[in-house]
N, C-alpha and C. Protein backbone atom coordinates (compact mmCIF):
# COMPACT_ATOMS: atom_id res chain seq x y z
N MET A 1 94.44 91.19 83.29
CA MET A 1 93.70 92.43 83.51
C MET A 1 94.65 93.60 83.72
N LYS A 2 95.69 93.37 84.54
CA LYS A 2 96.64 94.45 84.82
C LYS A 2 97.36 94.88 83.55
N LYS A 3 97.79 93.88 82.72
CA LYS A 3 98.52 94.22 81.49
C LYS A 3 97.62 94.97 80.51
N THR A 4 96.36 94.53 80.40
CA THR A 4 95.43 95.19 79.47
C THR A 4 95.19 96.64 79.86
N LEU A 5 94.98 96.88 81.16
CA LEU A 5 94.76 98.25 81.62
C LEU A 5 95.98 99.12 81.39
N LEU A 6 97.17 98.56 81.66
CA LEU A 6 98.39 99.34 81.49
C LEU A 6 98.63 99.68 80.03
N ILE A 7 98.44 98.71 79.13
CA ILE A 7 98.64 98.96 77.70
C ILE A 7 97.65 100.00 77.19
N SER A 8 96.39 99.91 77.63
CA SER A 8 95.37 100.88 77.21
C SER A 8 95.74 102.29 77.65
N TRP A 9 96.21 102.42 78.89
CA TRP A 9 96.57 103.75 79.39
C TRP A 9 97.78 104.29 78.63
N LEU A 10 98.77 103.45 78.33
CA LEU A 10 99.95 103.91 77.61
C LEU A 10 99.59 104.37 76.20
N LEU A 11 98.67 103.66 75.54
CA LEU A 11 98.24 104.07 74.21
C LEU A 11 97.54 105.43 74.26
N LEU A 12 96.69 105.62 75.25
CA LEU A 12 96.02 106.92 75.40
C LEU A 12 97.03 108.03 75.66
N ALA A 13 98.04 107.73 76.48
CA ALA A 13 99.05 108.74 76.80
C ALA A 13 99.85 109.12 75.55
N CYS A 14 100.22 108.12 74.73
CA CYS A 14 100.98 108.40 73.51
C CYS A 14 100.15 109.25 72.54
N MET A 15 98.87 108.93 72.41
CA MET A 15 98.00 109.71 71.54
C MET A 15 97.88 111.15 72.04
N ALA A 16 97.79 111.30 73.35
CA ALA A 16 97.66 112.64 73.92
C ALA A 16 98.91 113.47 73.69
N VAL A 17 100.09 112.85 73.87
CA VAL A 17 101.34 113.58 73.67
C VAL A 17 101.47 114.00 72.21
N THR A 18 101.12 113.09 71.29
CA THR A 18 101.19 113.41 69.86
C THR A 18 100.25 114.57 69.52
N TYR A 19 99.04 114.51 70.07
CA TYR A 19 98.07 115.59 69.83
C TYR A 19 98.57 116.90 70.40
N ALA A 20 99.12 116.84 71.61
CA ALA A 20 99.58 118.07 72.27
C ALA A 20 100.71 118.72 71.49
N GLN A 21 101.58 117.92 70.88
CA GLN A 21 102.70 118.48 70.14
C GLN A 21 102.26 119.20 68.88
N ASP A 22 101.06 118.85 68.39
CA ASP A 22 100.55 119.49 67.17
C ASP A 22 99.82 120.80 67.45
N GLN A 23 99.59 121.11 68.72
CA GLN A 23 98.85 122.32 69.04
C GLN A 23 99.76 123.53 69.11
N LYS A 24 99.12 124.70 69.10
CA LYS A 24 99.87 125.94 69.20
C LYS A 24 100.53 126.04 70.57
N PRO A 25 101.73 126.62 70.64
CA PRO A 25 102.42 126.73 71.93
C PRO A 25 101.60 127.55 72.92
N PHE A 26 101.65 127.16 74.18
CA PHE A 26 101.02 127.94 75.24
C PHE A 26 101.76 127.63 76.53
N HIS A 27 101.51 128.44 77.55
CA HIS A 27 102.21 128.26 78.82
C HIS A 27 101.67 127.02 79.54
N LYS A 28 102.53 126.05 79.78
CA LYS A 28 102.12 124.79 80.41
C LYS A 28 102.22 124.92 81.93
N ASN A 29 101.08 124.94 82.57
CA ASN A 29 101.04 125.09 84.02
C ASN A 29 101.18 123.74 84.72
N THR A 30 101.63 123.80 85.97
CA THR A 30 101.73 122.63 86.84
C THR A 30 100.94 122.91 88.11
N TYR A 31 100.17 121.92 88.55
CA TYR A 31 99.34 122.08 89.75
C TYR A 31 99.66 120.98 90.75
N ILE A 32 99.64 121.32 92.03
CA ILE A 32 99.75 120.33 93.09
C ILE A 32 98.46 120.36 93.90
N LYS A 33 97.91 119.17 94.19
CA LYS A 33 96.59 119.09 94.82
C LYS A 33 96.55 117.99 95.88
N VAL A 34 95.61 118.12 96.80
CA VAL A 34 95.33 117.07 97.78
C VAL A 34 93.83 116.78 97.75
N ASN A 35 93.47 115.59 98.21
CA ASN A 35 92.07 115.19 98.26
C ASN A 35 91.63 115.06 99.72
N PRO A 36 90.98 116.08 100.29
CA PRO A 36 90.59 116.02 101.71
C PRO A 36 89.55 114.96 102.01
N ALA A 37 88.84 114.47 100.99
CA ALA A 37 87.79 113.48 101.21
C ALA A 37 88.35 112.13 101.67
N THR A 38 89.63 111.88 101.46
CA THR A 38 90.22 110.58 101.82
C THR A 38 91.07 110.65 103.09
N LEU A 39 91.08 111.80 103.76
CA LEU A 39 91.96 111.97 104.92
C LEU A 39 91.62 111.04 106.08
N ILE A 40 90.45 110.42 106.06
CA ILE A 40 90.09 109.50 107.13
C ILE A 40 91.03 108.29 107.18
N ASN A 41 91.62 107.94 106.03
CA ASN A 41 92.50 106.77 106.03
C ASN A 41 93.80 106.95 105.25
N GLU A 42 93.91 108.02 104.43
CA GLU A 42 95.13 108.18 103.65
C GLU A 42 95.28 109.64 103.20
N LEU A 43 96.51 109.99 102.88
CA LEU A 43 96.82 111.31 102.34
C LEU A 43 97.14 111.15 100.86
N ASP A 44 96.30 111.76 100.02
CA ASP A 44 96.48 111.69 98.56
C ASP A 44 97.04 113.02 98.06
N VAL A 45 98.17 112.95 97.36
CA VAL A 45 98.79 114.13 96.76
C VAL A 45 98.88 113.92 95.26
N TYR A 46 98.49 114.92 94.49
CA TYR A 46 98.46 114.82 93.03
C TYR A 46 99.30 115.93 92.40
N LEU A 47 99.89 115.60 91.26
CA LEU A 47 100.61 116.58 90.45
C LEU A 47 100.03 116.52 89.04
N GLU A 48 99.48 117.64 88.59
CA GLU A 48 98.92 117.72 87.24
C GLU A 48 99.82 118.58 86.37
N GLN A 49 100.20 118.05 85.22
CA GLN A 49 101.04 118.77 84.27
C GLN A 49 100.28 118.94 82.96
N GLU A 50 100.08 120.19 82.55
CA GLU A 50 99.41 120.46 81.29
C GLU A 50 100.31 120.10 80.11
N LEU A 51 99.72 119.46 79.11
CA LEU A 51 100.41 119.19 77.85
C LEU A 51 99.93 120.13 76.75
N SER A 52 98.67 120.51 76.84
CA SER A 52 98.09 121.47 75.90
C SER A 52 96.92 122.14 76.62
N ASP A 53 96.17 122.96 75.89
CA ASP A 53 95.04 123.65 76.50
C ASP A 53 93.95 122.68 76.93
N LYS A 54 93.90 121.49 76.31
CA LYS A 54 92.82 120.55 76.60
C LYS A 54 93.30 119.21 77.13
N ILE A 55 94.58 119.03 77.30
CA ILE A 55 95.12 117.73 77.73
C ILE A 55 96.15 117.92 78.83
N SER A 56 96.07 117.09 79.85
CA SER A 56 97.09 117.09 80.90
C SER A 56 97.24 115.68 81.45
N ILE A 57 98.36 115.45 82.10
CA ILE A 57 98.63 114.18 82.79
C ILE A 57 98.60 114.45 84.29
N GLU A 58 97.94 113.57 85.02
CA GLU A 58 97.86 113.72 86.48
C GLU A 58 98.42 112.46 87.14
N LEU A 59 99.41 112.65 87.99
CA LEU A 59 100.03 111.56 88.74
C LEU A 59 99.76 111.76 90.22
N GLY A 60 99.53 110.67 90.94
CA GLY A 60 99.22 110.77 92.35
C GLY A 60 99.94 109.73 93.18
N ILE A 61 100.19 110.06 94.44
CA ILE A 61 100.78 109.14 95.40
C ILE A 61 99.98 109.22 96.69
N SER A 62 99.78 108.08 97.34
CA SER A 62 98.98 108.02 98.56
C SER A 62 99.79 107.40 99.68
N GLY A 63 99.72 108.02 100.85
CA GLY A 63 100.28 107.44 102.06
C GLY A 63 99.15 106.91 102.92
N ILE A 64 99.06 105.60 103.07
CA ILE A 64 97.95 104.96 103.77
C ILE A 64 98.35 104.73 105.23
N TYR A 65 97.59 105.27 106.17
CA TYR A 65 97.94 105.11 107.58
C TYR A 65 96.91 104.31 108.37
N THR A 66 95.83 103.89 107.75
CA THR A 66 94.89 102.94 108.35
C THR A 66 94.03 102.36 107.24
N ASP A 67 93.61 101.11 107.42
CA ASP A 67 92.72 100.47 106.44
C ASP A 67 91.33 100.25 107.05
N TYR A 68 90.96 101.13 107.97
CA TYR A 68 89.68 100.97 108.66
C TYR A 68 88.48 100.99 107.72
N PRO A 69 88.44 101.86 106.69
CA PRO A 69 87.28 101.81 105.78
C PRO A 69 87.08 100.44 105.14
N ASP A 70 88.18 99.74 104.84
CA ASP A 70 88.04 98.41 104.25
C ASP A 70 87.54 97.41 105.29
N TYR A 71 87.89 97.62 106.55
CA TYR A 71 87.34 96.79 107.63
C TYR A 71 85.81 96.90 107.66
N VAL A 72 85.30 98.12 107.52
CA VAL A 72 83.85 98.33 107.52
C VAL A 72 83.22 97.59 106.35
N LEU A 73 83.83 97.71 105.16
CA LEU A 73 83.29 97.05 103.98
C LEU A 73 83.39 95.53 104.07
N ALA A 74 84.51 95.04 104.62
CA ALA A 74 84.76 93.60 104.63
C ALA A 74 84.06 92.89 105.78
N LYS A 75 83.93 93.57 106.93
CA LYS A 75 83.43 92.90 108.12
C LYS A 75 82.02 93.32 108.53
N LYS A 76 81.67 94.58 108.31
CA LYS A 76 80.41 95.10 108.82
C LYS A 76 79.28 95.09 107.79
N ILE A 77 79.63 95.11 106.52
CA ILE A 77 78.61 95.09 105.46
C ILE A 77 78.61 93.72 104.82
N ASP A 78 77.50 93.02 104.90
CA ASP A 78 77.43 91.64 104.44
C ASP A 78 76.41 91.51 103.31
N PHE A 79 76.90 91.24 102.10
CA PHE A 79 76.00 90.94 100.98
C PHE A 79 76.39 89.61 100.34
N GLY A 80 76.89 88.69 101.21
CA GLY A 80 77.23 87.35 100.74
C GLY A 80 78.64 87.21 100.21
N GLN A 81 79.46 88.25 100.36
CA GLN A 81 80.81 88.19 99.83
C GLN A 81 81.73 87.37 100.75
N LYS A 82 82.79 86.81 100.17
CA LYS A 82 83.81 86.15 100.97
C LYS A 82 84.61 87.21 101.73
N LYS A 83 85.05 86.84 102.94
CA LYS A 83 85.73 87.82 103.78
C LYS A 83 87.13 87.34 104.13
N PRO A 84 88.10 88.25 104.10
CA PRO A 84 89.48 87.86 104.42
C PRO A 84 89.64 87.58 105.91
N ASP A 85 90.56 86.69 106.24
CA ASP A 85 90.84 86.35 107.63
C ASP A 85 91.85 87.35 108.20
N ILE A 86 91.41 88.59 108.28
CA ILE A 86 92.23 89.69 108.82
C ILE A 86 91.50 90.25 110.04
N SER A 87 92.20 90.46 111.14
CA SER A 87 91.55 90.92 112.37
C SER A 87 91.26 92.42 112.31
N THR A 88 90.39 92.86 113.22
CA THR A 88 90.06 94.28 113.31
C THR A 88 91.30 95.12 113.56
N GLU A 89 92.15 94.66 114.49
CA GLU A 89 93.37 95.41 114.82
C GLU A 89 94.30 95.52 113.62
N GLN A 90 94.40 94.47 112.83
CA GLN A 90 95.26 94.52 111.64
C GLN A 90 94.71 95.51 110.62
N PHE A 91 93.40 95.51 110.41
CA PHE A 91 92.81 96.49 109.50
C PHE A 91 93.09 97.92 109.98
N VAL A 92 92.85 98.16 111.26
CA VAL A 92 93.00 99.52 111.79
C VAL A 92 94.44 99.99 111.70
N ASP A 93 95.40 99.10 111.93
CA ASP A 93 96.82 99.48 111.94
C ASP A 93 97.53 99.22 110.62
N GLY A 94 96.78 98.93 109.56
CA GLY A 94 97.40 98.69 108.25
C GLY A 94 98.08 99.94 107.71
N ARG A 95 99.22 99.76 107.06
CA ARG A 95 99.98 100.86 106.47
C ARG A 95 100.31 100.50 105.02
N GLY A 96 100.43 101.54 104.17
CA GLY A 96 100.76 101.22 102.79
C GLY A 96 100.98 102.44 101.93
N LEU A 97 101.15 102.17 100.64
CA LEU A 97 101.37 103.21 99.63
C LEU A 97 100.45 102.96 98.45
N GLY A 98 100.12 104.04 97.75
CA GLY A 98 99.32 103.92 96.55
C GLY A 98 99.84 104.83 95.46
N PHE A 99 99.60 104.43 94.21
CA PHE A 99 100.03 105.22 93.06
C PHE A 99 98.90 105.24 92.04
N ARG A 100 98.76 106.37 91.34
CA ARG A 100 97.74 106.46 90.30
C ARG A 100 98.23 107.36 89.17
N ALA A 101 97.71 107.09 87.98
CA ALA A 101 98.07 107.89 86.81
C ALA A 101 96.82 108.10 85.97
N GLY A 102 96.58 109.34 85.59
CA GLY A 102 95.40 109.65 84.81
C GLY A 102 95.72 110.55 83.63
N LEU A 103 94.96 110.39 82.57
CA LEU A 103 95.08 111.24 81.39
C LEU A 103 93.83 112.11 81.32
N ARG A 104 93.99 113.39 81.57
CA ARG A 104 92.85 114.29 81.70
C ARG A 104 92.57 114.98 80.36
N LEU A 105 91.33 114.84 79.88
CA LEU A 105 90.91 115.42 78.60
C LEU A 105 89.83 116.46 78.88
N TYR A 106 90.16 117.72 78.69
CA TYR A 106 89.20 118.81 78.92
C TYR A 106 88.30 118.97 77.70
N LEU A 107 87.01 119.08 77.95
CA LEU A 107 86.05 119.19 76.85
C LEU A 107 86.09 120.57 76.20
N PHE A 108 86.48 121.57 76.97
CA PHE A 108 86.61 122.93 76.47
C PHE A 108 87.91 123.51 77.00
N GLY A 109 88.44 124.50 76.31
CA GLY A 109 89.62 125.18 76.82
C GLY A 109 89.32 125.80 78.18
N ARG A 110 90.28 125.68 79.10
CA ARG A 110 90.02 126.15 80.47
C ARG A 110 89.87 127.66 80.57
N ASP A 111 90.32 128.38 79.55
CA ASP A 111 90.21 129.83 79.57
C ASP A 111 89.07 130.34 78.68
N MET A 112 88.29 129.40 78.12
CA MET A 112 87.18 129.82 77.26
C MET A 112 86.08 130.47 78.08
N ASP A 113 85.39 131.41 77.47
CA ASP A 113 84.30 132.12 78.14
C ASP A 113 83.01 131.31 77.97
N THR A 114 82.91 130.23 78.73
CA THR A 114 81.73 129.37 78.70
C THR A 114 81.50 128.80 80.08
N ARG A 115 80.23 128.52 80.40
CA ARG A 115 79.91 128.02 81.74
C ARG A 115 80.52 126.64 81.99
N ALA A 116 80.78 125.89 80.92
CA ALA A 116 81.32 124.54 81.08
C ALA A 116 82.85 124.50 81.01
N ALA A 117 83.50 125.64 80.97
CA ALA A 117 84.97 125.66 80.92
C ALA A 117 85.54 124.93 82.13
N GLY A 118 86.54 124.10 81.88
CA GLY A 118 87.15 123.33 82.96
C GLY A 118 86.58 121.95 83.15
N THR A 119 85.50 121.61 82.42
CA THR A 119 84.93 120.27 82.51
C THR A 119 85.86 119.25 81.85
N TYR A 120 86.08 118.13 82.52
CA TYR A 120 87.04 117.16 81.99
C TYR A 120 86.55 115.73 82.17
N PHE A 121 87.19 114.87 81.39
CA PHE A 121 86.97 113.42 81.39
C PHE A 121 88.33 112.79 81.63
N GLU A 122 88.43 111.84 82.57
CA GLU A 122 89.77 111.34 82.93
C GLU A 122 89.75 109.84 83.23
N PRO A 123 90.33 109.00 82.36
CA PRO A 123 90.56 107.60 82.71
C PRO A 123 91.77 107.51 83.65
N VAL A 124 91.65 106.69 84.69
CA VAL A 124 92.68 106.61 85.73
C VAL A 124 92.99 105.15 86.03
N LEU A 125 94.28 104.83 86.12
CA LEU A 125 94.75 103.55 86.63
C LEU A 125 95.34 103.76 88.01
N PHE A 126 95.10 102.82 88.94
CA PHE A 126 95.69 102.99 90.26
C PHE A 126 96.08 101.64 90.86
N PHE A 127 97.03 101.70 91.79
CA PHE A 127 97.51 100.51 92.51
C PHE A 127 97.81 100.90 93.95
N LYS A 128 97.44 100.04 94.88
CA LYS A 128 97.74 100.26 96.29
C LYS A 128 98.28 98.97 96.91
N LYS A 129 99.18 99.13 97.85
CA LYS A 129 99.74 98.00 98.58
C LYS A 129 99.62 98.30 100.07
N VAL A 130 98.94 97.42 100.80
CA VAL A 130 98.75 97.59 102.24
C VAL A 130 99.42 96.44 102.97
N PHE A 131 100.20 96.78 103.99
CA PHE A 131 100.85 95.79 104.83
C PHE A 131 100.15 95.79 106.19
N TYR A 132 99.62 94.63 106.57
CA TYR A 132 98.99 94.51 107.87
C TYR A 132 100.03 94.10 108.91
N PRO A 133 99.96 94.67 110.11
CA PRO A 133 100.96 94.34 111.13
C PRO A 133 100.84 92.88 111.57
N ASN A 134 101.98 92.30 111.93
CA ASN A 134 101.96 90.94 112.48
C ASN A 134 101.21 90.94 113.80
N GLU A 135 100.50 89.86 114.04
CA GLU A 135 99.71 89.73 115.27
C GLU A 135 100.07 88.40 115.94
N GLU A 136 100.55 88.48 117.16
CA GLU A 136 100.98 87.29 117.89
C GLU A 136 99.78 86.62 118.58
N VAL A 137 99.68 85.30 118.41
CA VAL A 137 98.66 84.51 119.11
C VAL A 137 99.34 83.31 119.76
N THR A 138 98.75 82.80 120.84
CA THR A 138 99.35 81.69 121.58
C THR A 138 98.34 80.57 121.75
N PHE A 139 98.73 79.38 121.33
CA PHE A 139 97.91 78.18 121.53
C PHE A 139 98.80 77.09 122.10
N ASN A 140 98.34 76.44 123.14
CA ASN A 140 99.08 75.35 123.77
C ASN A 140 100.49 75.79 124.16
N ASN A 141 100.59 77.03 124.65
CA ASN A 141 101.88 77.59 125.09
C ASN A 141 102.89 77.75 123.95
N VAL A 142 102.40 77.80 122.74
CA VAL A 142 103.26 78.01 121.57
C VAL A 142 102.81 79.29 120.88
N ASN A 143 103.76 80.15 120.53
CA ASN A 143 103.45 81.42 119.87
C ASN A 143 103.39 81.25 118.35
N TYR A 144 102.40 81.88 117.75
CA TYR A 144 102.25 81.89 116.30
C TYR A 144 102.06 83.34 115.84
N THR A 145 102.36 83.59 114.57
CA THR A 145 102.27 84.96 114.04
C THR A 145 101.29 85.01 112.88
N ASN A 146 100.24 85.80 113.04
CA ASN A 146 99.31 86.07 111.94
C ASN A 146 99.86 87.24 111.11
N SER A 147 99.85 87.10 109.80
CA SER A 147 100.37 88.16 108.93
C SER A 147 99.49 88.28 107.70
N GLY A 148 99.60 89.42 107.01
CA GLY A 148 98.79 89.58 105.82
C GLY A 148 99.14 90.84 105.03
N THR A 149 98.78 90.85 103.76
CA THR A 149 98.96 92.00 102.88
C THR A 149 97.74 92.11 101.96
N LYS A 150 97.62 93.27 101.32
CA LYS A 150 96.55 93.47 100.35
C LYS A 150 97.06 94.27 99.17
N ASP A 151 96.78 93.80 97.96
CA ASP A 151 97.06 94.55 96.73
C ASP A 151 95.73 95.00 96.13
N VAL A 152 95.69 96.24 95.67
CA VAL A 152 94.48 96.78 95.05
C VAL A 152 94.83 97.29 93.66
N TYR A 153 94.11 96.80 92.65
CA TYR A 153 94.28 97.26 91.27
C TYR A 153 92.95 97.83 90.80
N GLY A 154 92.99 98.91 90.05
CA GLY A 154 91.72 99.45 89.61
C GLY A 154 91.81 100.37 88.40
N PHE A 155 90.66 100.57 87.80
CA PHE A 155 90.50 101.49 86.67
C PHE A 155 89.23 102.29 86.90
N GLN A 156 89.31 103.59 86.72
CA GLN A 156 88.16 104.46 86.91
C GLN A 156 88.05 105.48 85.78
N ILE A 157 86.82 105.89 85.54
CA ILE A 157 86.54 107.00 84.63
C ILE A 157 85.98 108.14 85.48
N LEU A 158 86.69 109.25 85.51
CA LEU A 158 86.26 110.40 86.30
C LEU A 158 85.64 111.47 85.40
N LEU A 159 84.64 112.14 85.92
CA LEU A 159 84.05 113.30 85.27
C LEU A 159 84.04 114.42 86.30
N GLY A 160 84.67 115.52 85.95
CA GLY A 160 84.77 116.61 86.92
C GLY A 160 84.87 117.96 86.25
N ARG A 161 85.06 118.96 87.08
CA ARG A 161 85.21 120.32 86.56
C ARG A 161 86.20 121.06 87.44
N GLN A 162 87.20 121.65 86.82
CA GLN A 162 88.23 122.37 87.55
C GLN A 162 87.92 123.87 87.56
N PHE A 163 87.92 124.44 88.76
CA PHE A 163 87.72 125.87 88.93
C PHE A 163 89.04 126.50 89.36
N ARG A 164 89.37 127.63 88.77
CA ARG A 164 90.62 128.33 89.11
C ARG A 164 90.32 129.76 89.52
N LYS A 165 90.97 130.16 90.59
CA LYS A 165 90.89 131.55 91.06
C LYS A 165 92.30 131.98 91.44
N ASP A 166 92.93 132.76 90.57
CA ASP A 166 94.34 133.11 90.75
C ASP A 166 95.15 131.82 90.79
N LYS A 167 95.78 131.51 91.93
CA LYS A 167 96.59 130.30 92.03
C LYS A 167 95.86 129.13 92.70
N VAL A 168 94.64 129.37 93.16
CA VAL A 168 93.89 128.35 93.90
C VAL A 168 93.08 127.49 92.93
N ILE A 169 93.09 126.17 93.18
CA ILE A 169 92.39 125.22 92.33
C ILE A 169 91.35 124.47 93.16
N LEU A 170 90.13 124.37 92.64
CA LEU A 170 89.09 123.50 93.20
C LEU A 170 88.68 122.52 92.11
N ASP A 171 88.66 121.24 92.46
CA ASP A 171 88.53 120.20 91.43
C ASP A 171 87.54 119.12 91.87
N PRO A 172 86.23 119.39 91.90
CA PRO A 172 85.25 118.36 92.27
C PRO A 172 85.08 117.34 91.15
N PHE A 173 84.77 116.09 91.53
CA PHE A 173 84.66 115.03 90.53
C PHE A 173 83.79 113.89 91.05
N VAL A 174 83.29 113.09 90.11
CA VAL A 174 82.63 111.82 90.41
C VAL A 174 83.27 110.78 89.50
N GLY A 175 83.22 109.51 89.92
CA GLY A 175 83.86 108.49 89.12
C GLY A 175 83.20 107.13 89.26
N LEU A 176 83.28 106.35 88.20
CA LEU A 176 82.83 104.96 88.18
C LEU A 176 83.95 104.10 87.65
N GLY A 177 84.04 102.87 88.16
CA GLY A 177 85.10 102.00 87.68
C GLY A 177 84.99 100.61 88.25
N ILE A 178 86.12 99.91 88.21
CA ILE A 178 86.21 98.55 88.73
C ILE A 178 87.47 98.45 89.57
N ARG A 179 87.38 97.69 90.66
CA ARG A 179 88.49 97.59 91.61
C ARG A 179 88.67 96.13 92.01
N GLY A 180 89.90 95.64 91.91
CA GLY A 180 90.21 94.29 92.33
C GLY A 180 91.10 94.30 93.56
N LYS A 181 90.74 93.51 94.57
CA LYS A 181 91.53 93.41 95.79
C LYS A 181 92.04 91.98 95.94
N VAL A 182 93.31 91.85 96.27
CA VAL A 182 93.92 90.54 96.49
C VAL A 182 94.50 90.51 97.90
N TYR A 183 93.85 89.75 98.77
CA TYR A 183 94.34 89.58 100.14
C TYR A 183 95.16 88.29 100.22
N GLN A 184 96.31 88.36 100.87
CA GLN A 184 97.11 87.18 101.14
C GLN A 184 97.44 87.18 102.63
N TYR A 185 97.21 86.06 103.29
CA TYR A 185 97.39 86.05 104.74
C TYR A 185 97.71 84.64 105.23
N THR A 186 98.37 84.60 106.37
CA THR A 186 98.64 83.37 107.09
C THR A 186 98.18 83.58 108.53
N THR A 187 97.19 82.80 108.95
CA THR A 187 96.63 82.95 110.29
C THR A 187 96.52 81.58 110.96
N TYR A 188 96.42 81.60 112.27
CA TYR A 188 96.35 80.37 113.07
C TYR A 188 95.15 80.44 114.00
N HIS A 189 94.47 79.28 114.15
CA HIS A 189 93.27 79.21 114.98
C HIS A 189 93.27 77.90 115.78
N GLN A 190 92.60 77.93 116.91
CA GLN A 190 92.47 76.74 117.74
C GLN A 190 91.43 75.81 117.13
N GLY A 191 91.84 74.53 116.93
CA GLY A 191 90.92 73.54 116.40
C GLY A 191 90.43 72.60 117.48
N ASP A 192 89.79 71.52 117.07
CA ASP A 192 89.31 70.52 118.02
C ASP A 192 90.48 69.75 118.63
N ASN A 193 90.28 69.25 119.83
CA ASN A 193 91.28 68.43 120.52
C ASN A 193 92.62 69.14 120.64
N ASN A 194 92.57 70.46 120.90
CA ASN A 194 93.78 71.27 121.10
C ASN A 194 94.70 71.30 119.88
N THR A 195 94.15 71.05 118.70
CA THR A 195 94.96 71.18 117.50
C THR A 195 95.04 72.65 117.08
N VAL A 196 96.05 72.97 116.30
CA VAL A 196 96.22 74.32 115.78
C VAL A 196 96.08 74.28 114.27
N LEU A 197 95.16 75.06 113.74
CA LEU A 197 94.89 75.07 112.31
C LEU A 197 95.56 76.27 111.66
N GLU A 198 96.31 76.00 110.60
CA GLU A 198 96.96 77.08 109.84
C GLU A 198 96.12 77.41 108.61
N ASN A 199 95.81 78.67 108.44
CA ASN A 199 95.05 79.12 107.28
C ASN A 199 95.96 79.96 106.40
N ASP A 200 96.49 79.35 105.37
CA ASP A 200 97.36 80.06 104.42
C ASP A 200 96.48 80.45 103.24
N GLY A 201 95.87 81.64 103.33
CA GLY A 201 94.79 81.98 102.41
C GLY A 201 95.13 83.05 101.40
N ARG A 202 94.33 83.05 100.34
CA ARG A 202 94.40 84.08 99.30
C ARG A 202 92.97 84.35 98.84
N LEU A 203 92.54 85.59 98.94
CA LEU A 203 91.17 85.96 98.58
C LEU A 203 91.20 87.07 97.54
N VAL A 204 90.49 86.85 96.44
CA VAL A 204 90.41 87.84 95.36
C VAL A 204 88.98 88.37 95.31
N SER A 205 88.85 89.68 95.33
CA SER A 205 87.55 90.33 95.29
C SER A 205 87.55 91.38 94.19
N VAL A 206 86.60 91.27 93.26
CA VAL A 206 86.48 92.24 92.16
C VAL A 206 85.07 92.84 92.21
N LEU A 207 85.01 94.15 92.39
CA LEU A 207 83.72 94.82 92.55
C LEU A 207 83.74 96.17 91.81
N PRO A 208 82.57 96.66 91.43
CA PRO A 208 82.51 98.03 90.88
C PRO A 208 82.84 99.04 91.97
N SER A 209 83.33 100.19 91.56
CA SER A 209 83.68 101.23 92.53
C SER A 209 83.06 102.55 92.12
N ILE A 210 82.68 103.33 93.12
CA ILE A 210 82.14 104.67 92.92
C ILE A 210 82.98 105.64 93.73
N GLN A 211 83.36 106.74 93.12
CA GLN A 211 84.19 107.72 93.81
C GLN A 211 83.56 109.10 93.69
N LEU A 212 83.58 109.82 94.80
CA LEU A 212 83.06 111.18 94.85
C LEU A 212 84.01 111.99 95.72
N GLY A 213 84.51 113.10 95.21
CA GLY A 213 85.46 113.87 96.01
C GLY A 213 85.74 115.23 95.41
N ILE A 214 86.68 115.90 96.03
CA ILE A 214 87.13 117.20 95.55
C ILE A 214 88.61 117.34 95.87
N LYS A 215 89.36 117.80 94.90
CA LYS A 215 90.78 118.08 95.10
C LYS A 215 90.97 119.58 95.24
N ILE A 216 91.83 119.94 96.16
CA ILE A 216 92.13 121.35 96.42
C ILE A 216 93.63 121.55 96.23
N GLY A 217 94.02 122.60 95.50
CA GLY A 217 95.44 122.76 95.26
C GLY A 217 95.84 124.16 94.84
N LEU A 218 97.09 124.22 94.38
CA LEU A 218 97.69 125.49 93.98
C LEU A 218 98.40 125.32 92.64
N LYS A 219 98.44 126.40 91.89
CA LYS A 219 99.26 126.43 90.67
C LYS A 219 100.68 126.78 91.07
N LEU A 220 101.64 125.97 90.61
CA LEU A 220 103.04 126.19 90.96
C LEU A 220 103.67 127.25 90.06
């Protein structure tokens, strides 16, 4: 799945670059943006580089400072899904990084005199890595360490519209896609007759994803 998504995105990027090179020269702007809708758990920063009047590449990096939203989805919402053996404290104190790359295709020139100017379609690939803090537990006067990580792979199709006022950018969007999560963890629990059970687990979850947000930024 990861290889197929990556190859598809690279092919789209090559086609976009070839198309952009055939267009008439114009001033290629660069924009830096943040997504305030995700500040509850991470800081998302994006850099958009125009290739032509209708095509641009958008790259993003995320600094994850808590995985609490995933705790709510994994522990509090139950629709029969398997749940990772990660504690509440580990979810809350999870730290990580994320990366994303998108190819933005504008349906109309952004400077055209039309109500739909700035409307775009954007396929996006993203990856996140979350490290859960070690958690010490004691059974039978022996210390054990619970540990875990999470990898997130995904593909989304965004539909949005970019508004520009001088140097200020407003970029609302909605998106649909698919997201795969891979949890890996080692945890210890008290068993019968004072035994200690080791759970060396791996859980894979693949679900559709919906995204709604707005990016705010500046033209550099």
